[in-house]
Amino acid sequence: WHDLYPELGTDPLPLSVFTSQDQYELEREHIFRKVWIYVCRIEQIPELGDFFVKDLVVGGTSAIISRDASGAVTAFHNMCSHRGNKVVWAEHGNATSWTCKFHGWTYGLDGKLKFVPDEKGFLDLDRACLGLTPINVDAWEGFVFINLDPTPSESLEEFLGDMAKQLSGYPFAECSATNFSWRGEVSANWKVVKDSFQEVYHVGCLH
């Protein structure tokens, strides 16, 4: 890596890279709000109206991933255009529309604003401009990704690079439908956790 990116140098990293809140905010803006983020498998939303909610604290948003009436996979910021309230609180389900619990504004699966209570009380309200804010979404081999950047600098396939080329065509969907998961909270910077899983220096001792 130091041959490919000599500008990074070979000195030890300063501790501030892992502890600075300012550094973390820069990473949130320039990494997590710019890259493709895996959110679910396509099998999690198999039917029309199926939806899955992914809260992305690091990206400062919550996303609704769904299958609309045409069968296409869509993604929207889970935020009402009226007062910014979270629209969908369930983690997953099936719906024909989503209604904000704050004031009852209702959105279709295409994200368009369908109903506003007491709409005549608003001056010059234009429903066409007040739908849910879309998020770029794409899928690779059944893995669904979103990109919070309104204009991503690269496609999902470009982002995945050689991994996508090497694993393209693998029958992921035919793998066992039995799923197990566990969740834990680690009091550490995200890079510490990633480095621990990615480096192989520990394998000979720990494993």
C-alpha atoms as a PDB file:
ATOM      1  CA  TRP A   1       0.000   0.000   0.000  1.00  0.00           C
ATOM      2  CA  HIS A   2       2.793   2.452   0.764  1.00  0.00           C
ATOM      3  CA  ASP A   3       4.157   1.883  -2.744  1.00  0.00           C
ATOM      4  CA  LEU A   4       0.771   2.632  -4.303  1.00  0.00           C
ATOM      5  CA  TYR A   5       0.058   5.637  -2.073  1.00  0.00           C
ATOM      6  CA  PRO A   6       3.421   7.090  -1.021  1.00  0.00           C
ATOM      7  CA  GLU A   7       1.738  10.313   0.111  1.00  0.00           C
ATOM      8  CA  LEU A   8       0.374   8.402   3.111  1.00  0.00           C
ATOM      9  CA  GLY A   9       3.877   7.914   4.471  1.00  0.00           C
ATOM     10  CA  THR A  10       5.055   5.096   6.727  1.00  0.00           C
ATOM     11  CA  ASP A  11       5.060   6.799  10.130  1.00  0.00           C
ATOM     12  CA  PRO A  12       2.752   5.572  12.921  1.00  0.00           C
ATOM     13  CA  LEU A  13      -0.715   7.149  12.822  1.00  0.00           C
ATOM     14  CA  PRO A  14      -1.368   9.866  15.400  1.00  0.00           C
ATOM     15  CA  LEU A  15      -3.881   8.939  18.097  1.00  0.00           C
ATOM     16  CA  SER A  16      -6.118  11.822  17.037  1.00  0.00           C
ATOM     17  CA  VAL A  17      -7.071   9.875  13.897  1.00  0.00           C
ATOM     18  CA  PHE A  18      -9.030   7.548  16.181  1.00  0.00           C
ATOM     19  CA  THR A  19     -10.181   9.974  18.893  1.00  0.00           C
ATOM     20  CA  SER A  20     -10.856  13.343  17.259  1.00  0.00           C
ATOM     21  CA  GLN A  21     -14.524  14.259  16.885  1.00  0.00           C
ATOM     22  CA  ASP A  22     -13.583  16.684  14.107  1.00  0.00           C
ATOM     23  CA  GLN A  23     -11.851  13.839  12.252  1.00  0.00           C
ATOM     24  CA  TYR A  24     -14.939  11.655  12.682  1.00  0.00           C
ATOM     25  CA  GLU A  25     -17.233  14.373  11.300  1.00  0.00           C
ATOM     26  CA  LEU A  26     -14.979  14.666   8.245  1.00  0.00           C
ATOM     27  CA  GLU A  27     -15.230  10.893   7.752  1.00  0.00           C
ATOM     28  CA  ARG A  28     -19.005  11.003   8.020  1.00  0.00           C
ATOM     29  CA  GLU A  29     -19.183  13.692   5.354  1.00  0.00           C
ATOM     30  CA  HIS A  30     -16.504  12.482   2.949  1.00  0.00           C
ATOM     31  CA  ILE A  31     -16.778   8.697   3.389  1.00  0.00           C
ATOM     32  CA  PHE A  32     -20.135   7.509   4.676  1.00  0.00           C
ATOM     33  CA  ARG A  33     -22.174  10.088   2.788  1.00  0.00           C
ATOM     34  CA  LYS A  34     -20.274   9.420  -0.453  1.00  0.00           C
ATOM     35  CA  VAL A  35     -19.808   5.647  -0.774  1.00  0.00           C
ATOM     36  CA  TRP A  36     -22.190   2.772  -1.503  1.00  0.00           C
ATOM     37  CA  ILE A  37     -23.471   1.227   1.741  1.00  0.00           C
ATOM     38  CA  TYR A  38     -24.915  -2.283   1.952  1.00  0.00           C
ATOM     39  CA  VAL A  39     -28.399  -2.254   3.504  1.00  0.00           C
ATOM     40  CA  CYS A  40     -30.139  -5.595   2.855  1.00  0.00           C
ATOM     41  CA  ARG A  41     -30.584  -8.673   0.673  1.00  0.00           C
ATOM     42  CA  ILE A  42     -33.162  -8.571  -2.092  1.00  0.00           C
ATOM     43  CA  GLU A  43     -34.902 -11.551  -0.448  1.00  0.00           C
ATOM     44  CA  GLN A  44     -35.841  -9.314   2.494  1.00  0.00           C
ATOM     45  CA  ILE A  45     -38.279  -7.402   0.268  1.00  0.00           C
ATOM     46  CA  PRO A  46     -39.611 -10.063  -2.125  1.00  0.00           C
ATOM     47  CA  GLU A  47     -43.187  -8.794  -2.640  1.00  0.00           C
ATOM     48  CA  LEU A  48     -44.724  -5.546  -3.857  1.00  0.00           C
ATOM     49  CA  GLY A  49     -45.050  -3.161  -0.918  1.00  0.00           C
ATOM     50  CA  ASP A  50     -42.438  -4.935   1.201  1.00  0.00           C
ATOM     51  CA  PHE A  51     -40.170  -2.473   2.940  1.00  0.00           C
ATOM     52  CA  PHE A  52     -37.111  -2.479   5.152  1.00  0.00           C
ATOM     53  CA  VAL A  53     -35.903   0.432   7.309  1.00  0.00           C
ATOM     54  CA  LYS A  54     -32.201   1.021   7.840  1.00  0.00           C
ATOM     55  CA  ASP A  55     -31.174   3.607  10.425  1.00  0.00           C
ATOM     56  CA  LEU A  56     -27.770   4.997   9.473  1.00  0.00           C
ATOM     57  CA  VAL A  57     -26.523   6.984  12.432  1.00  0.00           C
ATOM     58  CA  VAL A  58     -23.114   7.453  10.827  1.00  0.00           C
ATOM     59  CA  GLY A  59     -24.823   8.956   7.782  1.00  0.00           C
ATOM     60  CA  GLY A  60     -27.191  11.082   9.830  1.00  0.00           C
ATOM     61  CA  THR A  61     -30.319   9.583   8.313  1.00  0.00           C
ATOM     62  CA  SER A  62     -32.811   6.724   8.226  1.00  0.00           C
ATOM     63  CA  ALA A  63     -33.641   5.033   4.920  1.00  0.00           C
ATOM     64  CA  ILE A  64     -36.724   3.209   3.639  1.00  0.00           C
ATOM     65  CA  ILE A  65     -35.899   0.491   1.111  1.00  0.00           C
ATOM     66  CA  SER A  66     -38.959  -0.913  -0.662  1.00  0.00           C
ATOM     67  CA  ARG A  67     -40.481  -2.561  -3.728  1.00  0.00           C
ATOM     68  CA  ASP A  68     -42.870  -0.173  -5.450  1.00  0.00           C
ATOM     69  CA  ALA A  69     -45.925  -1.045  -7.535  1.00  0.00           C
ATOM     70  CA  SER A  70     -43.760  -1.778 -10.587  1.00  0.00           C
ATOM     71  CA  GLY A  71     -41.560  -4.193  -8.642  1.00  0.00           C
ATOM     72  CA  ALA A  72     -38.556  -1.880  -8.692  1.00  0.00           C
ATOM     73  CA  VAL A  73     -36.415  -1.453  -5.577  1.00  0.00           C
ATOM     74  CA  THR A  74     -36.547   2.110  -4.277  1.00  0.00           C
ATOM     75  CA  ALA A  75     -34.987   4.012  -1.395  1.00  0.00           C
ATOM     76  CA  PHE A  76     -36.008   7.228   0.338  1.00  0.00           C
ATOM     77  CA  HIS A  77     -34.918   9.289   3.304  1.00  0.00           C
ATOM     78  CA  ASN A  78     -37.270   8.282   6.120  1.00  0.00           C
ATOM     79  CA  MET A  79     -38.254  11.875   6.839  1.00  0.00           C
ATOM     80  CA  CYS A  80     -41.531  13.702   6.317  1.00  0.00           C
ATOM     81  CA  SER A  81     -41.278  16.740   4.060  1.00  0.00           C
ATOM     82  CA  HIS A  82     -43.510  18.723   6.410  1.00  0.00           C
ATOM     83  CA  ARG A  83     -41.695  18.887   9.751  1.00  0.00           C
ATOM     84  CA  GLY A  84     -38.885  16.382   9.320  1.00  0.00           C
ATOM     85  CA  ASN A  85     -40.507  13.704  11.477  1.00  0.00           C
ATOM     86  CA  LYS A  86     -39.566  10.054  10.974  1.00  0.00           C
ATOM     87  CA  VAL A  87     -42.302   8.531   8.798  1.00  0.00           C
ATOM     88  CA  VAL A  88     -41.851   4.744   9.169  1.00  0.00           C
ATOM     89  CA  TRP A  89     -41.033   3.420  12.640  1.00  0.00           C
ATOM     90  CA  ALA A  90     -41.344  -0.315  11.975  1.00  0.00           C
ATOM     91  CA  GLU A  91     -38.142  -2.151  11.029  1.00  0.00           C
ATOM     92  CA  HIS A  92     -39.877  -3.982   8.171  1.00  0.00           C
ATOM     93  CA  GLY A  93     -43.318  -4.844   6.836  1.00  0.00           C
ATOM     94  CA  ASN A  94     -45.644  -4.485   3.880  1.00  0.00           C
ATOM     95  CA  ALA A  95     -47.649  -1.380   3.010  1.00  0.00           C
ATOM     96  CA  THR A  96     -49.471   0.387   0.197  1.00  0.00           C
ATOM     97  CA  SER A  97     -48.490   3.795   1.586  1.00  0.00           C
ATOM     98  CA  TRP A  98     -46.723   5.401   4.546  1.00  0.00           C
ATOM     99  CA  THR A  99     -48.344   7.960   6.844  1.00  0.00           C
ATOM    100  CA  CYS A 100     -46.459  10.305   9.135  1.00  0.00           C
ATOM    101  CA  LYS A 101     -47.821  10.008  12.689  1.00  0.00           C
ATOM    102  CA  PHE A 102     -47.224  13.692  13.403  1.00  0.00           C
ATOM    103  CA  HIS A 103     -49.709  15.349  11.025  1.00  0.00           C
ATOM    104  CA  GLY A 104     -50.932  12.537   8.804  1.00  0.00           C
ATOM    105  CA  TRP A 105     -49.125  13.389   5.573  1.00  0.00           C
ATOM    106  CA  THR A 106     -49.274  10.251   3.427  1.00  0.00           C
ATOM    107  CA  TYR A 107     -46.776   9.055   0.824  1.00  0.00           C
ATOM    108  CA  GLY A 108     -47.072   6.385  -1.845  1.00  0.00           C
ATOM    109  CA  LEU A 109     -44.527   3.649  -2.448  1.00  0.00           C
ATOM    110  CA  ASP A 110     -43.123   5.847  -5.221  1.00  0.00           C
ATOM    111  CA  GLY A 111     -42.365   8.498  -2.610  1.00  0.00           C
ATOM    112  CA  LYS A 112     -44.950  10.940  -3.948  1.00  0.00           C
ATOM    113  CA  LEU A 113     -47.062  12.928  -1.496  1.00  0.00           C
ATOM    114  CA  LYS A 114     -50.593  11.484  -1.796  1.00  0.00           C
ATOM    115  CA  PHE A 115     -52.636  13.110   0.975  1.00  0.00           C
ATOM    116  CA  VAL A 116     -52.408  16.170   3.229  1.00  0.00           C
ATOM    117  CA  PRO A 117     -55.019  16.676   5.975  1.00  0.00           C
ATOM    118  CA  ASP A 118     -56.709  20.088   5.690  1.00  0.00           C
ATOM    119  CA  GLU A 119     -54.781  20.742   2.483  1.00  0.00           C
ATOM    120  CA  LYS A 120     -56.848  23.860   1.759  1.00  0.00           C
ATOM    121  CA  GLY A 121     -55.353  25.461   4.868  1.00  0.00           C
ATOM    122  CA  PHE A 122     -51.937  25.611   3.199  1.00  0.00           C
ATOM    123  CA  LEU A 123     -51.043  28.451   0.840  1.00  0.00           C
ATOM    124  CA  ASP A 124     -49.836  27.376  -2.609  1.00  0.00           C
ATOM    125  CA  LEU A 125     -48.944  23.850  -1.498  1.00  0.00           C
ATOM    126  CA  ASP A 126     -47.380  21.891  -4.371  1.00  0.00           C
ATOM    127  CA  ARG A 127     -47.535  18.168  -3.664  1.00  0.00           C
ATOM    128  CA  ALA A 128     -45.207  17.404  -6.578  1.00  0.00           C
ATOM    129  CA  CYS A 129     -42.344  19.153  -4.763  1.00  0.00           C
ATOM    130  CA  LEU A 130     -43.000  17.624  -1.351  1.00  0.00           C
ATOM    131  CA  GLY A 131     -42.509  13.889  -1.809  1.00  0.00           C
ATOM    132  CA  LEU A 132     -40.027  11.809   0.144  1.00  0.00           C
ATOM    133  CA  THR A 133     -36.432  12.594  -0.810  1.00  0.00           C
ATOM    134  CA  PRO A 134     -35.054   9.744  -2.955  1.00  0.00           C
ATOM    135  CA  ILE A 135     -31.767   7.958  -2.263  1.00  0.00           C
ATOM    136  CA  ASN A 136     -29.686   6.347  -4.990  1.00  0.00           C
ATOM    137  CA  VAL A 137     -30.127   2.594  -4.802  1.00  0.00           C
ATOM    138  CA  ASP A 138     -28.628  -0.296  -6.755  1.00  0.00           C
ATOM    139  CA  ALA A 139     -28.193  -4.039  -6.362  1.00  0.00           C
ATOM    140  CA  TRP A 140     -25.383  -6.450  -7.158  1.00  0.00           C
ATOM    141  CA  GLU A 141     -26.018 -10.211  -7.078  1.00  0.00           C
ATOM    142  CA  GLY A 142     -28.992  -9.628  -4.758  1.00  0.00           C
ATOM    143  CA  PHE A 143     -27.121  -7.347  -2.341  1.00  0.00           C
ATOM    144  CA  VAL A 144     -28.868  -3.975  -2.093  1.00  0.00           C
ATOM    145  CA  PHE A 145     -26.763  -0.839  -1.621  1.00  0.00           C
ATOM    146  CA  ILE A 146     -27.623   2.835  -1.217  1.00  0.00           C
ATOM    147  CA  ASN A 147     -25.547   5.959  -1.735  1.00  0.00           C
ATOM    148  CA  LEU A 148     -26.487   9.090   0.224  1.00  0.00           C
ATOM    149  CA  ASP A 149     -24.720  11.338  -2.265  1.00  0.00           C
ATOM    150  CA  PRO A 150     -27.354  12.838  -4.637  1.00  0.00           C
ATOM    151  CA  THR A 151     -24.826  12.488  -7.486  1.00  0.00           C
ATOM    152  CA  PRO A 152     -22.495   9.541  -6.777  1.00  0.00           C
ATOM    153  CA  SER A 153     -19.029   9.844  -8.275  1.00  0.00           C
ATOM    154  CA  GLU A 154     -18.999   6.152  -9.251  1.00  0.00           C
ATOM    155  CA  SER A 155     -21.440   3.358  -9.941  1.00  0.00           C
ATOM    156  CA  LEU A 156     -21.937   0.477  -7.524  1.00  0.00           C
ATOM    157  CA  GLU A 157     -20.009  -1.885  -9.788  1.00  0.00           C
ATOM    158  CA  GLU A 158     -17.137   0.586 -10.034  1.00  0.00           C
ATOM    159  CA  PHE A 159     -17.134   0.941  -6.249  1.00  0.00           C
ATOM    160  CA  LEU A 160     -16.997  -2.846  -5.727  1.00  0.00           C
ATOM    161  CA  GLY A 161     -14.114  -3.118  -8.197  1.00  0.00           C
ATOM    162  CA  ASP A 162     -12.310  -6.429  -8.607  1.00  0.00           C
ATOM    163  CA  MET A 163     -14.450  -8.152  -5.974  1.00  0.00           C
ATOM    164  CA  ALA A 164     -17.538  -7.723  -8.158  1.00  0.00           C
ATOM    165  CA  LYS A 165     -15.712  -9.121 -11.180  1.00  0.00           C
ATOM    166  CA  GLN A 166     -14.358 -12.144  -9.290  1.00  0.00           C
ATOM    167  CA  LEU A 167     -17.643 -13.071  -7.583  1.00  0.00           C
ATOM    168  CA  SER A 168     -20.048 -12.160 -10.379  1.00  0.00           C
ATOM    169  CA  GLY A 169     -22.424 -15.025 -11.089  1.00  0.00           C
ATOM    170  CA  TYR A 170     -21.957 -16.757  -7.752  1.00  0.00           C
ATOM    171  CA  PRO A 171     -25.340 -18.281  -6.713  1.00  0.00           C
ATOM    172  CA  PHE A 172     -25.793 -16.279  -3.502  1.00  0.00           C
ATOM    173  CA  ALA A 173     -29.574 -16.607  -3.730  1.00  0.00           C
ATOM    174  CA  GLU A 174     -29.293 -20.402  -3.591  1.00  0.00           C
ATOM    175  CA  CYS A 175     -27.485 -20.354  -0.261  1.00  0.00           C
ATOM    176  CA  SER A 176     -29.297 -21.547   2.851  1.00  0.00           C
ATOM    177  CA  ALA A 177     -32.286 -19.430   3.820  1.00  0.00           C
ATOM    178  CA  THR A 178     -31.480 -19.946   7.486  1.00  0.00           C
ATOM    179  CA  ASN A 179     -30.092 -16.725   8.888  1.00  0.00           C
ATOM    180  CA  PHE A 180     -28.497 -15.992  12.218  1.00  0.00           C
ATOM    181  CA  SER A 181     -27.377 -12.623  13.479  1.00  0.00           C
ATOM    182  CA  TRP A 182     -25.885 -11.054  16.539  1.00  0.00           C
ATOM    183  CA  ARG A 183     -25.401  -7.466  17.520  1.00  0.00           C
ATOM    184  CA  GLY A 184     -23.010  -5.778  19.880  1.00  0.00           C
ATOM    185  CA  GLU A 185     -21.900  -2.278  20.682  1.00  0.00           C
ATOM    186  CA  VAL A 186     -18.189  -1.591  20.824  1.00  0.00           C
ATOM    187  CA  SER A 187     -16.939   1.553  22.500  1.00  0.00           C
ATOM    188  CA  ALA A 188     -14.376   2.326  19.823  1.00  0.00           C
ATOM    189  CA  ASN A 189     -13.841   4.326  16.670  1.00  0.00           C
ATOM    190  CA  TRP A 190     -15.152   2.554  13.561  1.00  0.00           C
ATOM    191  CA  LYS A 191     -11.637   2.256  12.100  1.00  0.00           C
ATOM    192  CA  VAL A 192     -10.443   0.226  15.106  1.00  0.00           C
ATOM    193  CA  VAL A 193     -13.221  -2.302  14.533  1.00  0.00           C
ATOM    194  CA  LYS A 194     -12.626  -2.463  10.766  1.00  0.00           C
ATOM    195  CA  ASP A 195      -8.863  -2.850  11.178  1.00  0.00           C
ATOM    196  CA  SER A 196      -9.354  -5.706  13.646  1.00  0.00           C
ATOM    197  CA  PHE A 197     -11.444  -7.655  11.152  1.00  0.00           C
ATOM    198  CA  GLN A 198      -9.414  -6.864   8.051  1.00  0.00           C
ATOM    199  CA  GLU A 199      -5.810  -7.373   9.120  1.00  0.00           C
ATOM    200  CA  VAL A 200      -4.372 -10.898   9.121  1.00  0.00           C
ATOM    201  CA  TYR A 201      -1.467 -10.258  11.463  1.00  0.00           C
ATOM    202  CA  HIS A 202      -3.448 -11.708  14.399  1.00  0.00           C
ATOM    203  CA  VAL A 203      -4.490 -14.939  12.671  1.00  0.00           C
ATOM    204  CA  GLY A 204      -1.430 -16.977  13.604  1.00  0.00           C
ATOM    205  CA  CYS A 205      -1.825 -16.191  17.303  1.00  0.00           C
ATOM    206  CA  LEU A 206      -5.534 -15.692  17.949  1.00  0.00           C
ATOM    207  CA  HIS A 207      -6.941 -18.341  15.633  1.00  0.00           C
END
